[in-house]
Protein backbone atom coordinates (compact mmCIF):
# COMPACT_ATOMS: atom_id res chain seq x y z
CA MET A 1 3.70 2.43 23.26
CA ASP A 2 6.41 0.42 22.48
CA ASP A 3 10.10 2.13 21.31
CA THR A 4 9.73 -0.06 17.93
CA PRO A 5 6.46 0.23 16.73
CA ARG A 6 5.03 -2.41 14.70
CA ILE A 7 3.28 -1.05 11.67
CA GLY A 8 0.59 -2.69 9.08
CA ILE A 9 0.61 -1.77 5.79
CA VAL A 10 -2.47 -2.13 3.83
CA GLY A 11 -2.23 -2.00 0.11
CA ALA A 12 0.49 -2.57 -2.84
CA GLY A 13 -0.07 0.21 -5.48
CA GLY A 14 2.68 2.46 -6.48
CA ILE A 15 2.27 4.61 -2.97
CA ALA A 16 3.16 2.11 -0.46
CA PRO A 17 7.01 1.98 -1.27
CA PRO A 18 7.49 5.41 -0.24
CA HIS A 19 5.95 4.40 3.47
CA ILE A 20 6.85 1.22 3.50
CA GLU A 21 10.84 3.37 3.03
CA GLY A 22 10.00 5.57 5.02
CA TRP A 23 9.02 3.01 8.41
CA LEU A 24 11.94 0.90 8.28
CA ALA A 25 14.22 4.34 7.93
CA LEU A 26 12.12 4.71 11.55
CA GLY A 27 13.45 1.53 12.66
CA ALA A 28 9.47 -0.26 12.38
CA GLU A 29 8.93 -3.83 11.64
CA VAL A 30 6.63 -3.82 9.33
CA ASP A 31 3.61 -6.50 7.92
CA ILE A 32 1.76 -6.88 4.82
CA LEU A 33 -1.78 -7.17 4.54
CA GLY A 34 -1.42 -10.26 1.35
CA ARG A 35 -2.96 -8.97 -1.84
CA THR A 36 -1.95 -8.65 -5.02
CA GLY A 37 1.79 -6.83 -4.97
CA ALA A 38 2.26 -8.21 -1.83
CA ASP A 39 4.88 -10.69 -2.09
CA ALA A 40 6.86 -8.55 -4.69
CA LEU A 41 7.18 -5.55 -1.44
CA ALA A 42 7.80 -8.48 1.31
CA GLU A 43 10.21 -9.72 -0.56
CA ARG A 44 12.06 -6.38 -1.50
CA TYR A 45 11.92 -5.24 2.06
CA GLY A 46 12.05 -7.97 3.77
CA LEU A 47 8.18 -7.78 5.40
CA ARG A 48 5.48 -10.05 7.32
CA VAL A 49 2.46 -10.99 4.78
CA VAL A 50 -0.13 -10.88 6.85
CA GLY A 51 -3.59 -13.32 4.92
CA THR A 52 -6.44 -11.25 6.75
CA LEU A 53 -7.05 -7.75 7.76
CA ASP A 54 -8.23 -9.10 11.42
CA GLU A 55 -4.79 -10.64 12.22
CA LEU A 56 -2.80 -7.72 10.63
CA ILE A 57 -5.47 -5.17 13.11
CA ASP A 58 -4.40 -7.58 16.05
CA ALA A 59 -0.49 -7.77 15.14
CA CYS A 60 0.05 -4.03 15.17
CA GLY A 61 -0.27 -1.02 16.70
CA ILE A 62 -0.63 1.39 13.81
CA ILE A 63 -2.54 0.51 10.23
CA ASP A 64 -0.83 2.20 7.32
CA ILE A 65 -4.34 2.15 4.64
CA VAL A 66 -2.34 3.12 1.45
CA SER A 67 -5.40 1.17 -0.79
CA PRO A 68 -7.97 2.46 -3.13
CA THR A 69 -9.75 5.11 -1.16
CA ALA A 70 -13.54 3.72 -1.62
CA THR A 71 -11.99 1.12 0.89
CA HIS A 72 -10.34 3.89 3.58
CA LEU A 73 -13.57 3.62 5.79
CA GLY A 74 -14.25 0.00 6.45
CA ILE A 75 -10.86 -0.70 6.88
CA ALA A 76 -10.15 2.25 9.76
CA LYS A 77 -13.53 1.81 11.28
CA ALA A 78 -12.24 -2.14 11.70
CA ALA A 79 -8.89 -1.08 13.05
CA PHE A 80 -10.00 1.81 15.73
CA ALA A 81 -12.58 -1.18 16.55
CA ARG A 82 -9.18 -2.72 18.06
CA GLY A 83 -7.43 0.41 19.41
CA ARG A 84 -5.31 1.10 16.24
CA HIS A 85 -4.05 4.02 15.29
CA VAL A 86 -4.68 4.73 11.54
CA VAL A 87 -2.10 6.81 9.00
CA CYS A 88 -4.46 7.16 5.94
CA GLU A 89 -2.80 8.08 2.72
CA LYS A 90 -4.82 10.67 0.75
CA PRO A 91 -7.71 11.34 0.09
CA LEU A 92 -9.10 10.40 3.93
CA ALA A 93 -12.27 9.03 1.94
CA VAL A 94 -14.26 9.47 -1.38
CA THR A 95 -17.04 11.56 0.46
CA VAL A 96 -17.28 14.54 3.46
CA ALA A 97 -19.83 12.32 4.79
CA ASP A 98 -17.19 9.34 5.05
CA ALA A 99 -14.22 11.60 5.80
CA ARG A 100 -15.93 13.11 8.59
CA ALA A 101 -17.28 9.21 9.73
CA ILE A 102 -13.46 7.94 9.82
CA ALA A 103 -12.39 11.18 12.12
CA GLU A 104 -15.31 10.69 14.53
CA ALA A 105 -14.72 6.59 14.82
CA ALA A 106 -10.85 7.61 15.82
CA ASP A 107 -12.41 10.52 18.62
CA GLU A 108 -15.06 7.69 19.87
CA ALA A 109 -12.65 5.18 20.07
CA GLY A 110 -9.90 7.18 21.79
CA VAL A 111 -7.35 6.69 19.02
CA ARG A 112 -5.53 9.00 16.53
CA VAL A 113 -6.18 9.25 12.45
CA PHE A 114 -3.49 11.01 10.44
CA PRO A 115 -4.08 11.96 6.71
CA ALA A 116 -1.25 11.48 5.10
CA HIS A 117 -1.35 14.73 2.89
CA VAL A 118 2.76 14.52 2.09
CA VAL A 119 3.11 17.84 0.56
CA ARG A 120 3.27 19.80 3.70
CA TYR A 121 6.41 17.91 4.43
CA PHE A 122 8.09 18.85 1.17
CA SER A 123 10.85 21.37 2.08
CA GLY A 124 9.65 23.88 -0.63
CA TYR A 125 6.35 23.91 0.23
CA GLU A 126 6.98 23.72 3.78
CA GLN A 127 9.13 26.95 3.35
CA VAL A 128 6.71 28.79 1.82
CA HIS A 129 4.57 28.35 4.57
CA GLU A 130 6.90 29.65 7.18
CA ALA A 131 7.39 32.56 5.09
CA VAL A 132 3.68 33.33 4.11
CA GLY A 133 2.88 35.77 6.36
CA GLY A 134 5.59 37.97 5.46
CA VAL A 135 4.07 38.82 1.50
CA GLY A 136 1.11 41.19 3.34
CA THR A 137 -2.31 40.12 2.07
CA LEU A 138 -3.11 37.82 -0.04
CA LEU A 139 -4.14 38.39 -3.07
CA GLU A 140 -3.57 35.01 -5.61
CA LEU A 141 -2.41 31.95 -5.52
CA THR A 142 -1.52 29.63 -8.04
CA PHE A 143 -0.64 25.75 -7.86
CA ARG A 144 0.07 23.46 -10.73
CA ARG A 145 0.57 19.04 -10.71
CA THR A 146 1.36 17.44 -14.10
CA VAL A 147 1.91 13.45 -13.54
CA ALA A 148 1.89 10.78 -16.12
CA ALA A 149 -1.74 9.30 -16.00
CA PRO A 150 -1.67 6.41 -13.41
CA ALA A 151 -1.59 2.64 -14.44
CA SER A 152 -4.48 0.73 -12.21
CA ALA A 153 -8.06 1.47 -13.63
CA TRP A 154 -9.61 2.63 -10.19
CA PHE A 155 -7.89 5.89 -10.38
CA TYR A 156 -10.53 6.45 -13.56
CA SER A 157 -13.67 5.84 -12.26
CA GLN A 158 -14.44 9.40 -10.82
CA ASP A 159 -18.00 8.20 -9.27
CA ALA A 160 -15.83 5.02 -7.34
CA GLY A 161 -13.37 7.25 -5.52
CA GLY A 162 -10.70 7.90 -8.19
CA GLY A 163 -11.04 10.97 -10.47
CA LEU A 164 -7.61 13.57 -11.17
CA ILE A 165 -9.27 15.87 -8.85
CA ARG A 166 -10.13 13.79 -6.26
CA ASP A 167 -6.26 11.55 -5.94
CA LEU A 168 -3.77 14.51 -7.83
CA MET A 169 -5.58 18.10 -7.21
CA ILE A 170 -6.06 17.29 -3.61
CA HIS A 171 -2.72 17.80 -2.85
CA ASP A 172 -2.60 21.50 -3.79
CA LEU A 173 -6.07 22.41 -2.77
CA ASP A 174 -4.81 20.87 0.97
CA GLN A 175 -1.95 23.34 -0.03
CA ALA A 176 -3.73 26.14 -0.72
CA LEU A 177 -6.15 25.48 2.64
CA TRP A 178 -2.93 25.52 4.47
CA LEU A 179 -1.32 29.14 2.90
CA ALA A 180 -4.85 30.80 2.79
CA GLY A 181 -7.18 29.34 4.63
CA PRO A 182 -11.55 28.57 5.01
CA VAL A 183 -12.42 28.53 1.44
CA VAL A 184 -16.39 30.14 0.87
CA GLU A 185 -16.53 29.34 -2.89
CA VAL A 186 -15.36 26.71 -5.49
CA SER A 187 -15.70 26.91 -9.58
CA ALA A 188 -14.39 23.87 -11.87
CA THR A 189 -13.75 22.41 -14.92
CA GLN A 190 -12.22 19.99 -16.88
CA ASP A 191 -11.17 19.10 -20.06
CA PRO A 192 -12.26 16.37 -21.37
CA PRO A 193 -15.29 15.89 -19.00
CA ALA A 194 -16.15 12.32 -17.75
CA ILE A 195 -18.03 10.16 -19.66
CA ASP A 196 -20.02 7.64 -17.75
CA GLY A 197 -17.99 8.86 -14.38
CA VAL A 198 -14.85 7.46 -16.31
CA VAL A 199 -11.72 9.50 -16.76
CA GLN A 200 -9.89 9.61 -20.38
CA PRO A 201 -6.61 10.92 -19.96
CA PRO A 202 -4.64 13.08 -20.86
CA VAL A 203 -6.84 15.03 -19.11
CA SER A 204 -6.36 18.80 -17.45
CA ALA A 205 -8.55 20.14 -14.21
CA HIS A 206 -8.89 23.70 -13.04
CA VAL A 207 -10.49 24.75 -9.92
CA ALA A 208 -10.70 28.35 -8.64
CA LEU A 209 -11.07 28.84 -5.08
CA THR A 210 -12.16 31.94 -2.79
CA HIS A 211 -10.95 31.69 0.10
CA ALA A 212 -12.47 33.64 3.42
CA ASN A 213 -9.88 36.10 3.21
CA GLY A 214 -10.54 37.39 0.02
CA ALA A 215 -7.28 35.60 -1.84
CA ILE A 216 -8.52 33.68 -5.11
CA SER A 217 -6.40 30.38 -5.44
CA HIS A 218 -6.05 28.79 -8.91
CA VAL A 219 -5.29 24.96 -9.14
CA ARG A 220 -4.80 22.89 -11.96
CA ALA A 221 -3.91 19.43 -12.25
CA ASP A 222 -3.14 17.32 -15.58
CA TRP A 223 -3.03 13.26 -16.17
CA PHE A 224 -1.11 12.83 -18.94
CA GLY A 225 0.96 9.93 -21.04
CA PRO A 226 3.85 7.57 -19.81
CA ASP A 227 6.42 9.55 -20.81
CA THR A 228 5.32 12.69 -18.74
CA ARG A 229 8.42 14.71 -16.26
CA PHE A 230 6.23 14.88 -12.90
CA ARG A 231 6.36 18.75 -12.31
CA SER A 232 4.68 20.92 -9.09
CA SER A 233 5.21 24.41 -8.40
CA ALA A 234 3.09 27.35 -6.69
CA SER A 235 3.05 30.62 -6.11
CA VAL A 236 1.92 33.15 -3.68
CA VAL A 237 1.06 37.00 -4.01
CA GLY A 238 0.51 39.05 -1.60
CA SER A 239 0.41 42.82 -1.22
CA ASP A 240 3.98 43.46 0.12
CA GLY A 241 5.59 40.15 -2.05
CA GLU A 242 5.56 36.69 -3.54
CA LEU A 243 7.16 33.90 -3.01
CA SER A 244 6.98 30.40 -5.23
CA VAL A 245 8.61 27.06 -5.33
CA ASP A 246 8.88 24.54 -8.40
CA ALA A 247 9.86 20.82 -8.23
CA ASP A 248 12.49 21.13 -10.79
CA GLU A 249 14.43 23.02 -7.79
CA LEU A 250 14.01 19.79 -5.75
CA SER A 251 16.18 16.63 -6.38
CA GLY A 252 15.00 13.82 -9.40
CA ALA A 253 11.68 12.06 -9.27
CA ARG A 254 11.36 8.82 -6.92
CA GLU A 255 9.32 6.19 -9.04
CA GLU A 256 6.45 6.27 -11.70
CA TYR A 257 3.46 9.34 -10.82
CA LEU A 258 5.49 9.85 -7.31
CA PRO A 259 6.94 13.41 -6.21
CA PRO A 260 10.63 14.16 -6.40
CA ALA A 261 12.09 13.74 -2.92
CA SER A 262 12.99 17.39 -1.31
CA ALA A 263 16.23 17.86 1.02
CA VAL A 264 14.64 15.73 3.80
CA ASP A 265 12.66 12.56 2.82
CA PRO A 266 8.89 13.79 3.17
CA TYR A 267 7.16 10.82 3.77
CA ARG A 268 10.08 9.73 6.38
CA ALA A 269 9.13 13.46 7.71
CA GLN A 270 6.03 13.06 6.86
CA LEU A 271 5.66 9.25 9.44
CA ALA A 272 8.15 11.00 11.93
CA ASP A 273 5.52 13.38 12.77
CA PHE A 274 3.00 11.18 12.97
CA LEU A 275 4.81 8.94 15.35
CA ASP A 276 5.59 11.59 17.78
CA ALA A 277 2.60 13.03 17.68
CA ILE A 278 1.55 9.58 19.08
CA ARG A 279 3.71 9.55 21.80
CA THR A 280 3.57 13.01 22.65
CA GLY A 281 -0.34 13.45 22.43
CA ARG A 282 0.28 16.37 19.86
CA ASP A 283 -1.32 17.80 17.27
CA ALA A 284 0.55 16.53 13.88
CA ARG A 285 1.01 18.94 11.09
CA VAL A 286 -1.60 17.38 9.44
CA THR A 287 -4.89 16.97 11.37
CA PRO A 288 -8.43 14.70 10.99
CA ALA A 289 -10.04 18.42 10.30
CA ASP A 290 -7.67 18.97 7.51
CA GLY A 291 -8.14 15.74 5.97
CA VAL A 292 -12.19 16.74 6.08
CA ALA A 293 -11.57 19.83 4.94
CA ALA A 294 -9.43 18.49 1.57
CA VAL A 295 -12.25 16.66 0.56
CA ALA A 296 -14.72 18.94 1.60
CA LEU A 297 -13.39 20.91 -1.63
CA VAL A 298 -12.79 18.13 -3.75
CA GLU A 299 -16.60 17.28 -3.22
CA ALA A 300 -17.34 20.71 -4.25
CA ALA A 301 -15.23 21.04 -7.87
CA TYR A 302 -17.10 17.99 -8.79
CA ALA A 303 -20.74 19.49 -7.82
CA SER A 304 -19.04 22.35 -9.72
CA LEU A 305 -18.35 20.24 -12.35
CA ALA A 306 -21.83 18.62 -12.38
CA THR A 307 -23.99 21.99 -12.80
CA GLY A 308 -21.70 24.22 -14.69
CA HIS A 309 -21.55 26.63 -11.48
CA PRO A 310 -19.74 27.37 -8.40
CA VAL A 311 -20.70 26.01 -5.51
CA LEU A 312 -20.81 28.22 -2.20
CA LEU A 313 -19.60 26.15 0.81
């Protein structure tokens, strides 16, 4: 592909700036689809605004989807149909069926799709992953992520692509899979529960995962008030030792509810990995199968909430 890739951004919400900044730092040319908020981002970063999705896809070699989750499948399929690679903000899709459809459509088109699970690129979490083999048999993993509740209403529509577990906790569900491997049982609680499919902050959720290797992961996520300080942490206990990471040990928050930066900008590192994977044909740190697996845990967690019982995978 061209040494100067042209990226088409679809979406102009809170997660768009880190993606735009990452691409620009990598020397890419960036266009953005003309939607609410796009003009302000275009002025801020010197981007070209493109009027329609078809025009954006025709103009760009890589489409970066940072729009609401329910829109991912349609946009990705349109990009694949024109032979474009796709970066897709997590979650890959609302349902496992749609996530698999995205992965399969990319494969059939001979192009790449990269689920953007950025926490894999935070230096502290990366160091835990590199060292996890040294703690012996994995026994218990604990994850916590607390942020100010997001501003956009779609995040609270649990049945239509939003929800605390689907949007926020999925970061740490992916971490649990990355560190401890496949899951065989999922049990979830949420307080307060959604009413008519709508989440009302302040809200917390807890998901317990039983891994195939016998390890147990406890994952908690919170959406709290607008002045809430971002906080994330993880610990891994094994038969021969313990590892931990705490976001307070990293540098300060980027903005709003976004994770704090680590020693290396994780958004830039993520996109650099994806770009190199396209150029070389190798797997990226996050694969389509990883994106599907994370959505499967989300789906199982919501099934557990609905029934009040654990869900076997």
